Amino acid sequence: MGLRIMGTGGALPARSVTNDELSAFLDTSDEWIRQRTGIRSRRVCTTETLDELAVLAAERAMEAAGVVASDLDLILCTTTSGDHLIPSEACAVQVGIGASCPAFDISAACAGFVYALDVADGWFARGRADCVLVVSAEKCTRIVDWQDRATCVLFGDGAGAAVLGRGDGGLRSIRLATMGDLDALSLPGVIGSSPFDQTERDPQVLSMQGHTVFKFGVTSIVREVRALAADGGMKVGDIDHFVFHQANDRILDAAIRTLGIDSGRVVRTLAHTGNISSACIPVALDALAREGGLRDGDHVAIVGFGAGLCVGSCLIDWEPARRPVASPPPTQEQDGP
């Protein structure tokens, strides 16, 4: 399969909201949240739009890859919480970076980034593209119930991006699956104002069955990592880095124990970002790349899982960017109100 990641980028809101701040209006505490999730703080949009974060992440990925907007043949955006249903978030990115290629969204919840990689791989295979931009952007804080301590403490906002190019064997394996479940994680669509609509209307906030999602997450990670290793003709222990969806530290810990892998090889950003849905994986991958954790030829296993219930996983042999990846200018954090 001919796909390689040429460069990555990420963008988070300036405002960091701590657990203690949430305890001021929720029946919760820093200790309660940390013990159950591993989250200490999360980034929350205040003055930033999701469009702006998506464009910034895209620009940083393009800079790392050494490409400009005119080099792009396709823009794919994954989101379930975009600034607008019409036009797509991908169209906003296209306008923001000054590109002119086709652009469209993919909705696969927290597995969206891997689903986008698979779509891009198809474009490469058919000779329709040489350079593809994938952007995962989520404003989860707009879809949660801020009176529900079981869900609102989990999520944050942000965007991650990757520039993809043709490669020789960089993508060893990619797997997609959907286990149809409409209730485990759900968010109703636009209610509208039709005078003819007589259907029941649920609240327009995210609902989650925590136990079901926990079991699904652990099972998915374990199954996919083992399958990816087998597809790649290696042992699980031969994989250098594991980039999993950042849903909950307990999910990650349980999967690590079952797989028997070194916890130090598992990328973790959850403590200070929260769950940012499809943006979790590219943000974590970008953090690993910019910290110098990736070397030419490293084997990287990626697993995303979320509403649907959808799973996307892939095994990639890392190839360096065209030029050294520099860390972006530090974001000025705003802690507290």
Protein backbone atom coordinates (compact mmCIF):
# COMPACT_ATOMS: atom_id res chain seq x y z
CA MET A 1 0.00 0.00 0.00
CA GLY A 2 1.35 3.39 -0.96
CA LEU A 3 0.86 5.96 1.77
CA ARG A 4 3.19 7.84 4.09
CA ILE A 5 2.69 10.62 6.60
CA MET A 6 4.80 13.54 5.43
CA GLY A 7 4.04 15.96 8.24
CA THR A 8 1.72 16.53 11.19
CA GLY A 9 0.22 19.51 12.97
CA GLY A 10 -2.00 20.30 15.90
CA ALA A 11 -3.89 23.23 17.39
CA LEU A 12 -5.56 23.55 20.79
CA PRO A 13 -7.60 26.38 22.29
CA ALA A 14 -5.77 28.77 24.61
CA ARG A 15 -8.09 28.23 27.58
CA SER A 16 -7.25 25.33 29.89
CA VAL A 17 -10.02 24.32 32.29
CA THR A 18 -8.96 22.36 35.36
CA ASN A 19 -10.93 19.77 37.29
CA ASP A 20 -11.14 22.14 40.24
CA GLU A 21 -12.94 24.68 38.06
CA LEU A 22 -15.53 22.08 37.10
CA SER A 23 -16.08 21.18 40.74
CA ALA A 24 -17.25 24.76 41.31
CA PHE A 25 -20.53 24.00 39.51
CA LEU A 26 -20.64 20.19 39.36
CA ASP A 27 -20.92 17.59 42.10
CA THR A 28 -17.39 16.31 41.46
CA SER A 29 -13.76 16.85 42.46
CA ASP A 30 -10.29 16.77 40.98
CA GLU A 31 -9.61 13.46 42.72
CA TRP A 32 -12.87 11.89 41.44
CA ILE A 33 -12.14 12.87 37.84
CA ARG A 34 -8.45 11.92 37.88
CA GLN A 35 -9.04 8.49 39.43
CA ARG A 36 -11.77 7.58 36.93
CA THR A 37 -10.40 9.15 33.76
CA GLY A 38 -6.78 10.31 34.14
CA ILE A 39 -7.80 13.81 33.04
CA ARG A 40 -6.43 16.82 34.93
CA SER A 41 -7.51 19.57 32.54
CA ARG A 42 -8.94 20.05 29.09
CA ARG A 43 -8.71 22.74 26.40
CA VAL A 44 -11.95 24.63 25.77
CA CYS A 45 -12.80 27.07 22.98
CA THR A 46 -13.63 30.60 24.12
CA THR A 47 -12.91 33.09 21.35
CA GLU A 48 -11.56 30.53 18.84
CA THR A 49 -13.79 28.97 16.21
CA LEU A 50 -13.32 25.37 15.17
CA ASP A 51 -12.65 26.58 11.64
CA GLU A 52 -9.68 28.57 12.96
CA LEU A 53 -8.26 25.62 14.87
CA ALA A 54 -8.67 23.33 11.86
CA VAL A 55 -6.88 25.78 9.57
CA LEU A 56 -4.04 26.30 12.05
CA ALA A 57 -3.50 22.55 12.45
CA ALA A 58 -3.53 22.18 8.65
CA GLU A 59 -1.00 24.97 8.17
CA ARG A 60 1.36 23.44 10.74
CA ALA A 61 1.12 20.03 9.08
CA MET A 62 1.79 21.55 5.66
CA GLU A 63 4.79 23.43 7.00
CA ALA A 64 6.19 20.23 8.53
CA ALA A 65 5.67 18.39 5.25
CA GLY A 66 7.16 21.16 3.14
CA VAL A 67 4.09 21.56 0.93
CA VAL A 68 1.85 24.48 -0.01
CA ALA A 69 -1.87 24.64 -0.71
CA SER A 70 -1.43 24.28 -4.46
CA ASP A 71 0.28 20.90 -3.91
CA LEU A 72 -2.86 19.37 -2.40
CA ASP A 73 -5.06 17.07 -4.48
CA LEU A 74 -7.66 16.38 -1.77
CA ILE A 75 -8.73 17.62 1.66
CA LEU A 76 -10.51 15.27 4.06
CA CYS A 77 -11.93 16.49 7.35
CA THR A 78 -13.27 14.34 10.17
CA THR A 79 -15.67 15.89 12.66
CA THR A 80 -18.91 15.32 14.53
CA SER A 81 -19.04 18.82 16.00
CA GLY A 82 -18.25 21.23 13.17
CA ASP A 83 -19.01 24.94 13.14
CA HIS A 84 -21.63 24.26 10.47
CA LEU A 85 -23.42 21.32 8.88
CA ILE A 86 -23.39 23.09 5.53
CA PRO A 87 -20.86 23.70 4.12
CA SER A 88 -18.55 20.95 5.34
CA GLU A 89 -15.66 21.62 7.70
CA ALA A 90 -13.36 20.55 4.88
CA CYS A 91 -14.65 23.43 2.76
CA ALA A 92 -13.78 25.85 5.56
CA VAL A 93 -10.25 24.44 5.68
CA GLN A 94 -9.93 24.74 1.90
CA VAL A 95 -10.90 28.41 2.02
CA GLY A 96 -8.71 29.08 5.05
CA ILE A 97 -5.50 27.70 3.52
CA GLY A 98 -6.22 28.94 0.00
CA ALA A 99 -6.48 25.53 -1.69
CA SER A 100 -8.57 24.66 -4.75
CA CYS A 101 -8.77 20.84 -4.60
CA PRO A 102 -11.84 18.73 -3.76
CA ALA A 103 -12.75 18.74 -0.07
CA PHE A 104 -15.30 16.78 1.94
CA ASP A 105 -16.07 15.55 5.46
CA ILE A 106 -16.06 12.05 6.94
CA SER A 107 -18.21 11.18 9.96
CA ALA A 108 -16.90 8.16 11.88
CA ALA A 109 -16.71 9.71 15.36
CA CYS A 110 -13.50 8.96 17.28
CA ALA A 111 -12.29 6.53 14.60
CA GLY A 112 -12.55 9.21 11.93
CA PHE A 113 -8.84 9.86 11.41
CA VAL A 114 -8.13 6.25 10.43
CA TYR A 115 -11.22 6.16 8.21
CA ALA A 116 -9.82 9.22 6.43
CA LEU A 117 -6.46 7.49 5.98
CA ASP A 118 -8.26 4.61 4.28
CA VAL A 119 -10.11 6.97 1.93
CA ALA A 120 -6.83 8.70 1.08
CA ASP A 121 -5.18 5.35 0.41
CA GLY A 122 -7.93 4.61 -2.12
CA TRP A 123 -7.28 7.90 -3.92
CA PHE A 124 -3.57 7.08 -4.08
CA ALA A 125 -4.25 3.55 -5.34
CA ARG A 126 -6.47 4.86 -8.15
CA GLY A 127 -3.90 7.47 -9.16
CA ARG A 128 -6.25 10.32 -8.32
CA ALA A 129 -3.95 12.01 -5.80
CA ASP A 130 -0.31 12.47 -4.89
CA CYS A 131 -0.80 14.69 -1.84
CA VAL A 132 -3.74 14.60 0.61
CA LEU A 133 -4.45 16.71 3.67
CA VAL A 134 -6.40 15.10 6.53
CA VAL A 135 -7.74 17.35 9.28
CA SER A 136 -9.60 16.11 12.36
CA ALA A 137 -11.31 18.95 14.22
CA GLU A 138 -13.70 18.72 17.14
CA LYS A 139 -15.49 21.15 19.45
CA CYS A 140 -16.87 18.54 21.83
CA THR A 141 -17.68 21.11 24.50
CA ARG A 142 -20.64 22.28 22.40
CA ILE A 143 -22.33 18.87 22.35
CA VAL A 144 -22.07 17.73 25.99
CA ASP A 145 -24.52 18.35 28.80
CA TRP A 146 -22.68 20.63 31.22
CA GLN A 147 -24.90 19.48 34.07
CA ASP A 148 -23.92 15.82 33.58
CA ARG A 149 -20.68 15.11 35.47
CA ALA A 150 -20.41 11.67 33.87
CA THR A 151 -19.82 13.10 30.39
CA CYS A 152 -18.88 16.79 30.40
CA VAL A 153 -15.68 16.22 32.42
CA LEU A 154 -14.36 13.90 29.70
CA PHE A 155 -14.22 16.14 26.66
CA GLY A 156 -12.23 19.01 25.20
CA ASP A 157 -11.69 20.86 21.93
CA GLY A 158 -8.89 20.84 19.37
CA ALA A 159 -7.67 19.90 15.90
CA GLY A 160 -4.98 17.67 14.46
CA ALA A 161 -3.79 17.26 10.88
CA ALA A 162 -1.53 15.18 8.67
CA VAL A 163 -0.25 15.59 5.14
CA LEU A 164 -0.13 12.29 3.28
CA GLY A 165 1.88 11.37 0.23
CA ARG A 166 2.50 8.31 -1.89
CA GLY A 167 4.91 5.85 -0.31
CA ASP A 168 6.36 2.42 -0.90
CA GLY A 169 5.02 0.15 1.79
CA GLY A 170 4.69 2.78 4.54
CA LEU A 171 1.17 1.59 5.31
CA ARG A 172 1.48 -2.06 6.29
CA SER A 173 -2.13 -2.65 7.28
CA ILE A 174 -5.37 -0.75 7.68
CA ARG A 175 -8.60 -2.14 9.11
CA LEU A 176 -12.11 -0.71 9.47
CA ALA A 177 -15.11 -2.18 11.27
CA THR A 178 -18.56 -1.12 12.44
CA MET A 179 -20.54 -2.94 15.12
CA GLY A 180 -23.90 -1.24 14.76
CA ASP A 181 -25.00 0.27 18.08
CA LEU A 182 -27.05 3.47 18.03
CA ASP A 183 -27.34 3.86 21.79
CA ALA A 184 -23.86 3.42 23.32
CA LEU A 185 -22.80 6.89 22.14
CA SER A 186 -25.37 9.14 20.54
CA LEU A 187 -26.17 12.75 19.70
CA PRO A 188 -29.49 13.66 18.04
CA GLY A 189 -29.44 15.69 14.85
CA VAL A 190 -30.95 19.09 14.20
CA ILE A 191 -34.50 19.26 15.53
CA GLY A 192 -35.71 21.81 13.02
CA SER A 193 -39.09 23.54 13.05
CA SER A 194 -41.26 21.47 10.71
CA PRO A 195 -44.95 21.75 11.73
CA PHE A 196 -45.45 18.22 10.34
CA ASP A 197 -42.78 16.47 12.44
CA GLN A 198 -44.46 14.30 15.08
CA THR A 199 -41.43 12.22 16.13
CA GLU A 200 -40.09 12.20 19.68
CA ARG A 201 -37.27 14.67 20.19
CA ASP A 202 -34.46 13.75 22.53
CA PRO A 203 -32.25 16.45 24.07
CA GLN A 204 -29.53 17.63 21.70
CA VAL A 205 -26.65 16.61 23.93
CA LEU A 206 -24.28 13.66 23.91
CA SER A 207 -25.38 10.56 25.82
CA MET A 208 -23.09 7.66 26.65
CA GLN A 209 -23.35 4.20 28.17
CA GLY A 210 -20.06 4.20 30.04
CA HIS A 211 -19.72 0.48 30.76
CA THR A 212 -20.47 -0.48 27.16
CA VAL A 213 -17.97 2.03 25.81
CA PHE A 214 -15.29 0.92 28.28
CA LYS A 215 -15.60 -2.74 27.32
CA PHE A 216 -15.75 -1.87 23.61
CA GLY A 217 -12.64 0.31 23.85
CA VAL A 218 -10.48 -2.27 25.63
CA THR A 219 -11.64 -5.13 23.40
CA SER A 220 -11.09 -3.09 20.24
CA ILE A 221 -7.56 -2.02 21.13
CA VAL A 222 -6.46 -5.54 22.04
CA ARG A 223 -8.04 -7.19 18.99
CA GLU A 224 -6.77 -4.59 16.53
CA VAL A 225 -3.19 -4.45 17.82
CA ARG A 226 -2.89 -8.23 17.59
CA ALA A 227 -4.38 -8.24 14.09
CA LEU A 228 -2.13 -5.39 12.90
CA ALA A 229 0.97 -7.20 14.15
CA ALA A 230 -0.09 -10.36 12.36
CA ASP A 231 -0.80 -8.42 9.15
CA GLY A 232 2.62 -6.81 9.38
CA GLY A 233 4.39 -10.12 9.91
CA MET A 234 5.68 -9.18 13.36
CA LYS A 235 5.03 -9.65 17.05
CA VAL A 236 3.17 -7.08 19.16
CA GLY A 237 6.42 -6.46 21.02
CA ASP A 238 8.10 -5.42 17.76
CA ILE A 239 5.85 -2.35 17.46
CA ASP A 240 7.69 0.79 18.57
CA HIS A 241 4.79 3.17 19.29
CA PHE A 242 1.10 2.83 20.06
CA VAL A 243 -1.23 5.75 19.37
CA PHE A 244 -4.68 4.95 20.71
CA HIS A 245 -7.80 7.06 20.96
CA GLN A 246 -7.52 9.07 24.18
CA ALA A 247 -10.87 8.23 25.77
CA ASN A 248 -9.96 7.21 29.30
CA ASP A 249 -6.76 6.23 31.09
CA ARG A 250 -8.43 3.14 32.54
CA ILE A 251 -9.20 1.91 29.03
CA LEU A 252 -5.57 2.39 28.04
CA ASP A 253 -4.28 0.73 31.21
CA ALA A 254 -6.53 -2.32 30.77
CA ALA A 255 -5.48 -2.76 27.14
CA ILE A 256 -1.80 -2.37 28.04
CA ARG A 257 -2.07 -5.07 30.71
CA THR A 258 -3.87 -7.47 28.40
CA LEU A 259 -1.41 -6.96 25.56
CA GLY A 260 1.62 -7.06 27.86
CA ILE A 261 3.24 -4.06 26.19
CA ASP A 262 5.54 -1.42 27.62
CA SER A 263 3.43 1.50 28.87
CA GLY A 264 6.21 3.86 27.80
CA ARG A 265 5.50 3.04 24.17
CA VAL A 266 1.89 4.23 24.46
CA VAL A 267 1.39 7.90 23.66
CA ARG A 268 -0.73 9.75 26.24
CA THR A 269 -2.06 13.29 25.86
CA LEU A 270 -5.36 12.78 27.66
CA ALA A 271 -4.32 14.33 31.00
CA HIS A 272 -4.22 17.85 29.58
CA THR A 273 -6.47 17.67 26.51
CA GLY A 274 -9.37 15.45 27.52
CA ASN A 275 -11.14 13.40 24.89
CA ILE A 276 -11.25 15.39 21.63
CA SER A 277 -12.92 12.66 19.59
CA SER A 278 -11.40 12.18 16.12
CA ALA A 279 -8.73 14.81 16.83
CA CYS A 280 -7.18 12.71 19.63
CA ILE A 281 -5.04 10.51 17.40
CA PRO A 282 -3.54 13.18 15.09
CA VAL A 283 -2.90 15.48 18.08
CA ALA A 284 -1.13 12.66 19.92
CA LEU A 285 0.79 11.67 16.78
CA ASP A 286 1.87 15.28 16.26
CA ALA A 287 3.04 15.55 19.87
CA LEU A 288 5.14 12.41 19.44
CA ALA A 289 6.65 13.70 16.18
CA ARG A 290 7.50 17.15 17.54
CA GLU A 291 9.06 15.73 20.69
CA GLY A 292 11.48 13.77 18.50
CA GLY A 293 10.00 10.42 19.48
CA LEU A 294 9.70 9.09 15.93
CA ARG A 295 12.62 7.73 13.94
CA ASP A 296 12.83 6.60 10.34
CA GLY A 297 11.41 3.09 10.06
CA ASP A 298 9.63 3.03 13.45
CA HIS A 299 6.52 0.85 13.50
CA VAL A 300 3.47 2.83 14.68
CA ALA A 301 0.17 1.14 15.56
CA ILE A 302 -2.89 3.39 15.59
CA VAL A 303 -6.32 2.42 16.93
CA GLY A 304 -9.41 4.63 17.01
CA PHE A 305 -12.80 3.61 18.37
CA GLY A 306 -16.05 5.43 18.99
CA ALA A 307 -19.73 5.95 18.25
CA GLY A 308 -21.31 3.70 15.69
CA LEU A 309 -19.72 1.64 17.11
CA CYS A 310 -16.81 2.23 14.72
CA VAL A 311 -13.22 1.01 14.84
CA GLY A 312 -10.31 2.04 12.63
CA SER A 313 -6.74 0.81 12.98
CA CYS A 314 -3.54 0.87 10.97
CA LEU A 315 0.13 -0.06 11.16
CA ILE A 316 2.53 2.44 9.63
CA ASP A 317 6.28 2.41 9.05
CA TRP A 318 7.24 5.98 9.87
CA GLU A 319 9.07 8.01 7.25
CA PRO A 320 10.55 11.38 8.22
CA ALA A 321 9.20 14.69 6.95
CA ARG A 322 10.98 16.41 4.08
CA ARG A 323 12.51 18.83 6.54
CA PRO A 324 12.99 18.85 10.33
CA VAL A 325 9.78 19.26 12.31
CA ALA A 326 9.95 22.27 14.61
CA SER A 327 7.66 22.75 17.56
CA PRO A 328 4.99 25.41 16.97
CA PRO A 329 5.13 28.63 19.01
CA PRO A 330 3.84 27.93 22.52
CA THR A 331 0.18 28.68 23.05
CA GLN A 332 -0.54 31.25 25.75
CA GLU A 333 -2.67 29.30 28.18
CA GLN A 334 -5.44 30.96 30.12
CA ASP A 335 -6.03 29.13 33.38
CA GLY A 336 -9.03 30.01 35.47
CA PRO A 337 -11.98 32.24 34.61
